[in-house]
């Protein structure tokens, strides 16, 4: 799934308006630097969208297994409430409805169904309700579905994809000369309870929108995600192409960064080294 072209166009315009210039003159270097940052931002939006879809797929799968567990439990409770006479009536109805289904099949279909039962060593006809209770079929179905649909943690869901995108964005900014990365415009965070978002927050919000985030929530989500990165953090970036090669052992690039600076890049060199010179020298 690809990002919407309209959202990408909006992202490009946002970057053009908010990406910082390193010189007073818009020479050849400035457009090239901004274009490189825009291409990287497009790629980040695409990967963020994929991560969002993975998270949504995982949540949808959890809900489906949770629904199966609930349905199996309710069916088990209902069947356990039947007396012996009611179980016999239910089993007779099972056999009758199955036979009616078989009678409606033409000869080749009926023959194939018979052979399939024989091939898989399955008894002909449905499993009787009493046997389902005897061998606790529904209990094990319920327990299996419960284990696969583990309940989500209480409280607000973690914005895992957004926090990942924020880390990627901060490293991306430093790599393209956008240092430091600010959360709010100078002074506004201390002066106001509702600080004015910085250019970096606006750009990250546009990336989130291009990746599928709600436009109303994007700015506050971007600001919250960046606030968590004030302290030093580590980011591992795995090369995608190396996983397809049988003879290459993939090695990640390890970044250590903060909003203030890119401290180290374990594979491509050092952003800035600490000063070990004794004070006073």
Protein backbone atom coordinates (compact mmCIF):
# COMPACT_ATOMS: atom_id res chain seq x y z
CA UNK A 1 0.00 0.00 0.00
CA UNK A 2 1.38 3.38 -1.01
CA UNK A 3 0.90 6.79 0.54
CA UNK A 4 -1.76 9.03 -0.95
CA UNK A 5 -0.27 11.35 -3.59
CA UNK A 6 -2.28 14.32 -2.27
CA UNK A 7 -0.85 13.82 1.22
CA UNK A 8 2.67 13.50 -0.21
CA UNK A 9 2.16 16.72 -2.14
CA UNK A 10 1.09 18.44 1.08
CA UNK A 11 4.16 17.02 2.84
CA UNK A 12 6.43 18.39 0.12
CA UNK A 13 4.90 21.86 0.50
CA UNK A 14 5.25 21.71 4.30
CA UNK A 15 8.93 20.80 4.03
CA UNK A 16 9.51 23.58 1.51
CA UNK A 17 7.97 26.09 3.94
CA UNK A 18 9.55 24.86 7.18
CA UNK A 19 12.86 23.19 6.32
CA UNK A 20 15.62 25.48 7.68
CA UNK A 21 18.02 27.23 5.34
CA UNK A 22 21.70 27.11 6.20
CA UNK A 23 22.56 30.25 4.25
CA UNK A 24 20.89 33.54 3.38
CA UNK A 25 21.16 32.82 -0.32
CA UNK A 26 19.11 30.05 -1.92
CA UNK A 27 22.01 28.70 -3.95
CA UNK A 28 22.22 25.31 -5.64
CA UNK A 29 23.08 23.54 -2.38
CA UNK A 30 19.88 24.54 -0.56
CA UNK A 31 17.35 23.06 -3.04
CA UNK A 32 19.43 19.88 -3.29
CA UNK A 33 19.57 19.50 0.49
CA UNK A 34 15.84 20.11 0.81
CA UNK A 35 15.10 17.69 -2.03
CA UNK A 36 17.17 14.96 -0.38
CA UNK A 37 15.35 15.52 2.92
CA UNK A 38 11.98 15.41 1.13
CA UNK A 39 12.81 12.08 -0.54
CA UNK A 40 13.85 10.63 2.83
CA UNK A 41 10.66 11.99 4.42
CA UNK A 42 8.56 10.33 1.70
CA UNK A 43 10.28 7.02 2.45
CA UNK A 44 9.70 7.49 6.18
CA UNK A 45 5.99 8.18 5.60
CA UNK A 46 5.73 4.99 3.53
CA UNK A 47 7.44 2.86 6.19
CA UNK A 48 5.34 4.48 8.92
CA UNK A 49 2.18 3.58 6.97
CA UNK A 50 3.32 -0.04 6.73
CA UNK A 51 4.01 -0.13 10.46
CA UNK A 52 0.56 1.34 11.19
CA UNK A 53 -1.08 -1.32 9.03
CA UNK A 54 0.90 -4.06 10.77
CA UNK A 55 -0.23 -2.75 14.16
CA UNK A 56 -3.85 -2.50 12.96
CA UNK A 57 -3.73 -6.02 11.48
CA UNK A 58 -2.37 -7.35 14.78
CA UNK A 59 -5.18 -5.60 16.70
CA UNK A 60 -7.85 -6.90 14.30
CA UNK A 61 -6.45 -10.42 14.63
CA UNK A 62 -6.50 -10.11 18.43
CA UNK A 63 -10.16 -9.06 18.30
CA UNK A 64 -11.08 -12.01 16.05
CA UNK A 65 -9.47 -14.54 18.38
CA UNK A 66 -11.10 -12.82 21.35
CA UNK A 67 -14.50 -13.15 19.64
CA UNK A 68 -13.86 -16.86 18.96
CA UNK A 69 -12.93 -17.43 22.61
CA UNK A 70 -16.11 -15.73 23.81
CA UNK A 71 -18.30 -17.61 21.32
CA UNK A 72 -16.73 -20.98 22.21
CA UNK A 73 -17.23 -20.31 25.91
CA UNK A 74 -20.89 -19.32 25.45
CA UNK A 75 -21.55 -22.38 23.28
CA UNK A 76 -19.83 -24.65 25.81
CA UNK A 77 -21.89 -23.22 28.69
CA UNK A 78 -25.10 -23.65 26.66
CA UNK A 79 -24.30 -27.26 25.73
CA UNK A 80 -23.32 -28.13 29.29
CA UNK A 81 -26.79 -26.96 30.34
CA UNK A 82 -28.51 -29.58 28.19
CA UNK A 83 -29.87 -32.74 29.81
CA UNK A 84 -29.29 -36.17 28.30
CA UNK A 85 -32.60 -36.19 26.41
CA UNK A 86 -31.88 -32.79 24.88
CA UNK A 87 -28.40 -33.96 23.82
CA UNK A 88 -29.95 -36.95 22.00
CA UNK A 89 -32.44 -34.67 20.22
CA UNK A 90 -29.61 -32.33 19.20
CA UNK A 91 -27.52 -35.22 17.85
CA UNK A 92 -30.48 -36.54 15.84
CA UNK A 93 -30.91 -33.08 14.33
CA UNK A 94 -27.19 -33.00 13.54
CA UNK A 95 -27.42 -36.27 11.62
CA UNK A 96 -30.60 -35.21 9.82
CA UNK A 97 -29.27 -31.84 8.65
CA UNK A 98 -26.01 -33.44 7.52
CA UNK A 99 -27.88 -36.12 5.57
CA UNK A 100 -30.07 -33.47 3.94
CA UNK A 101 -26.93 -31.65 2.85
CA UNK A 102 -25.44 -34.82 1.38
CA UNK A 103 -28.70 -35.67 -0.42
CA UNK A 104 -28.59 -32.31 -2.19
CA UNK A 105 -25.15 -33.03 -3.64
CA UNK A 106 -24.80 -34.57 -7.07
CA UNK A 107 -23.01 -37.90 -7.44
CA UNK A 108 -19.46 -36.60 -8.05
CA UNK A 109 -19.65 -34.19 -5.11
CA UNK A 110 -21.01 -36.84 -2.78
CA UNK A 111 -18.36 -39.32 -3.89
CA UNK A 112 -15.58 -36.75 -3.38
CA UNK A 113 -16.87 -35.88 0.09
CA UNK A 114 -16.90 -39.55 1.03
CA UNK A 115 -13.35 -40.00 -0.23
CA UNK A 116 -12.17 -36.92 1.64
CA UNK A 117 -13.46 -38.32 4.91
CA UNK A 118 -11.74 -41.61 4.15
CA UNK A 119 -8.48 -39.92 3.12
CA UNK A 120 -8.24 -37.84 6.30
CA UNK A 121 -9.42 -40.71 8.51
CA UNK A 122 -12.45 -38.68 9.61
CA UNK A 123 -15.72 -40.35 10.63
CA UNK A 124 -18.62 -39.86 8.24
CA UNK A 125 -20.98 -37.19 9.47
CA UNK A 126 -20.71 -34.47 12.10
CA UNK A 127 -19.11 -35.04 15.50
CA UNK A 128 -21.94 -35.72 17.97
CA UNK A 129 -22.59 -33.02 20.56
CA UNK A 130 -22.08 -35.48 23.42
CA UNK A 131 -18.59 -36.33 22.12
CA UNK A 132 -17.78 -32.64 21.83
CA UNK A 133 -18.63 -32.29 25.51
CA UNK A 134 -16.90 -35.53 26.51
CA UNK A 135 -13.60 -34.54 24.94
CA UNK A 136 -13.92 -30.84 25.81
CA UNK A 137 -13.53 -29.70 22.19
CA UNK A 138 -14.97 -26.26 22.89
CA UNK A 139 -12.88 -25.75 26.02
CA UNK A 140 -9.64 -26.30 24.11
CA UNK A 141 -10.86 -24.10 21.28
CA UNK A 142 -11.68 -21.39 23.82
CA UNK A 143 -8.34 -21.67 25.60
CA UNK A 144 -6.38 -21.65 22.33
CA UNK A 145 -8.22 -18.56 21.08
CA UNK A 146 -7.67 -16.84 24.44
CA UNK A 147 -3.93 -17.45 24.23
CA UNK A 148 -3.84 -15.94 20.73
CA UNK A 149 -6.10 -13.02 21.62
CA UNK A 150 -4.35 -11.87 24.78
CA UNK A 151 -6.10 -8.79 26.19
CA UNK A 152 -4.54 -5.43 25.49
CA UNK A 153 -2.91 -3.60 28.38
CA UNK A 154 -5.13 -1.27 30.31
CA UNK A 155 -4.89 2.46 29.74
CA UNK A 156 -4.10 4.38 26.59
CA UNK A 157 -2.60 2.27 23.79
CA UNK A 158 1.09 2.86 23.11
CA UNK A 159 1.82 4.85 19.97
CA UNK A 160 4.57 2.46 18.93
CA UNK A 161 4.55 3.40 15.25
CA UNK A 162 4.54 7.12 16.03
CA UNK A 163 7.41 6.83 18.51
CA UNK A 164 9.42 4.84 15.96
CA UNK A 165 8.71 7.48 13.29
CA UNK A 166 9.78 10.26 15.67
CA UNK A 167 13.15 8.57 16.32
CA UNK A 168 13.69 8.09 12.62
CA UNK A 169 12.71 11.71 11.97
CA UNK A 170 15.14 13.12 14.54
CA UNK A 171 18.06 11.15 13.09
CA UNK A 172 16.96 12.19 9.59
CA UNK A 173 16.94 15.86 10.60
CA UNK A 174 20.46 15.69 12.04
CA UNK A 175 21.74 13.89 8.94
CA UNK A 176 20.45 16.73 6.75
CA UNK A 177 21.75 19.58 8.89
CA UNK A 178 18.56 20.31 10.84
CA UNK A 179 20.17 20.63 14.27
CA UNK A 180 18.91 20.99 16.95
CA UNK A 181 15.41 19.58 16.55
CA UNK A 182 13.04 21.74 18.58
CA UNK A 183 9.64 20.78 19.95
CA UNK A 184 8.34 24.32 20.30
CA UNK A 185 9.38 27.74 19.08
CA UNK A 186 11.95 29.40 21.33
CA UNK A 187 10.40 30.61 24.54
CA UNK A 188 6.82 29.61 23.76
CA UNK A 189 7.01 26.33 25.69
CA UNK A 190 7.97 28.11 28.90
CA UNK A 191 5.70 31.11 28.43
CA UNK A 192 2.48 29.31 27.49
CA UNK A 193 0.70 26.20 28.66
CA UNK A 194 -0.09 25.43 25.03
CA UNK A 195 3.24 25.97 23.25
CA UNK A 196 3.41 26.87 19.58
CA UNK A 197 4.67 23.83 17.65
CA UNK A 198 8.05 24.15 16.00
CA UNK A 199 8.82 23.68 12.32
CA UNK A 200 10.07 20.16 13.13
CA UNK A 201 6.77 19.23 14.80
CA UNK A 202 4.83 20.54 11.79
CA UNK A 203 6.99 18.50 9.39
CA UNK A 204 6.72 15.33 11.47
CA UNK A 205 2.95 15.82 11.68
CA UNK A 206 2.80 16.07 7.87
CA UNK A 207 4.77 12.81 7.63
CA UNK A 208 2.30 11.12 9.99
CA UNK A 209 -0.66 12.41 7.96
CA UNK A 210 0.93 11.13 4.73
CA UNK A 211 1.29 7.76 6.49
CA UNK A 212 -2.39 7.62 7.44
CA UNK A 213 -2.67 9.42 10.78
CA UNK A 214 -5.72 11.59 11.41
CA UNK A 215 -4.94 15.19 10.47
CA UNK A 216 -6.58 16.58 13.62
CA UNK A 217 -4.46 14.42 15.94
CA UNK A 218 -1.22 14.49 13.97
CA UNK A 219 0.26 17.68 15.41
CA UNK A 220 -0.32 16.78 19.07
CA UNK A 221 0.88 13.22 18.38
CA UNK A 222 4.08 14.53 16.76
CA UNK A 223 4.77 16.92 19.64
CA UNK A 224 4.20 14.22 22.27
CA UNK A 225 6.46 11.76 20.43
CA UNK A 226 9.28 14.31 20.08
CA UNK A 227 9.05 15.37 23.74
CA UNK A 228 9.95 11.82 24.73
CA UNK A 229 13.24 12.13 22.82
CA UNK A 230 14.75 15.02 24.77
CA UNK A 231 17.08 12.58 26.49
CA UNK A 232 19.59 10.42 24.63
CA UNK A 233 18.13 7.46 22.74
CA UNK A 234 19.45 4.63 20.54
CA UNK A 235 18.05 3.67 17.15
CA UNK A 236 18.93 0.53 15.18
CA UNK A 237 18.44 0.70 11.42
CA UNK A 238 18.56 -2.66 9.62
CA UNK A 239 19.41 -2.74 5.91
CA UNK A 240 16.51 -4.32 4.05
CA UNK A 241 18.45 -5.61 1.05
CA UNK A 242 20.90 -7.72 3.07
CA UNK A 243 18.17 -10.07 4.35
CA UNK A 244 17.61 -11.42 0.84
CA UNK A 245 21.23 -12.45 0.43
CA UNK A 246 22.11 -15.92 1.80
CA UNK A 247 25.81 -15.10 2.32
CA UNK A 248 25.43 -11.73 4.05
CA UNK A 249 24.95 -11.46 7.78
CA UNK A 250 23.00 -8.20 8.19
CA UNK A 251 24.52 -5.63 10.49
CA UNK A 252 22.43 -2.69 11.72
CA UNK A 253 23.50 0.91 11.82
CA UNK A 254 23.33 2.06 15.43
CA UNK A 255 22.53 5.72 16.05
CA UNK A 256 22.77 7.45 19.39
CA UNK A 257 21.01 10.78 19.33
CA UNK A 258 18.89 13.34 21.13
CA UNK A 259 16.89 16.33 19.99
CA UNK A 260 20.03 18.39 20.45
CA UNK A 261 22.45 16.37 18.33
CA UNK A 262 23.40 13.14 16.59
CA UNK A 263 25.94 11.83 19.06
CA UNK A 264 27.23 8.69 17.33
CA UNK A 265 26.66 6.74 14.18
CA UNK A 266 28.23 3.33 14.89
CA UNK A 267 28.59 2.38 11.24
CA UNK A 268 29.13 5.64 9.40
CA UNK A 269 31.25 7.55 11.87
CA UNK A 270 30.82 9.98 14.71
CA UNK A 271 28.51 12.97 14.88
CA UNK A 272 30.26 14.70 17.75
CA UNK A 273 32.68 13.35 20.34
CA UNK A 274 32.65 14.35 24.01
CA UNK A 275 35.34 16.79 25.13
CA UNK A 276 37.73 14.99 27.48
CA UNK A 277 39.97 18.04 28.00
CA UNK A 278 40.28 18.77 31.75
CA UNK A 279 38.62 22.00 32.78
CA UNK A 280 41.04 24.87 33.10
CA UNK A 281 43.37 23.65 30.34
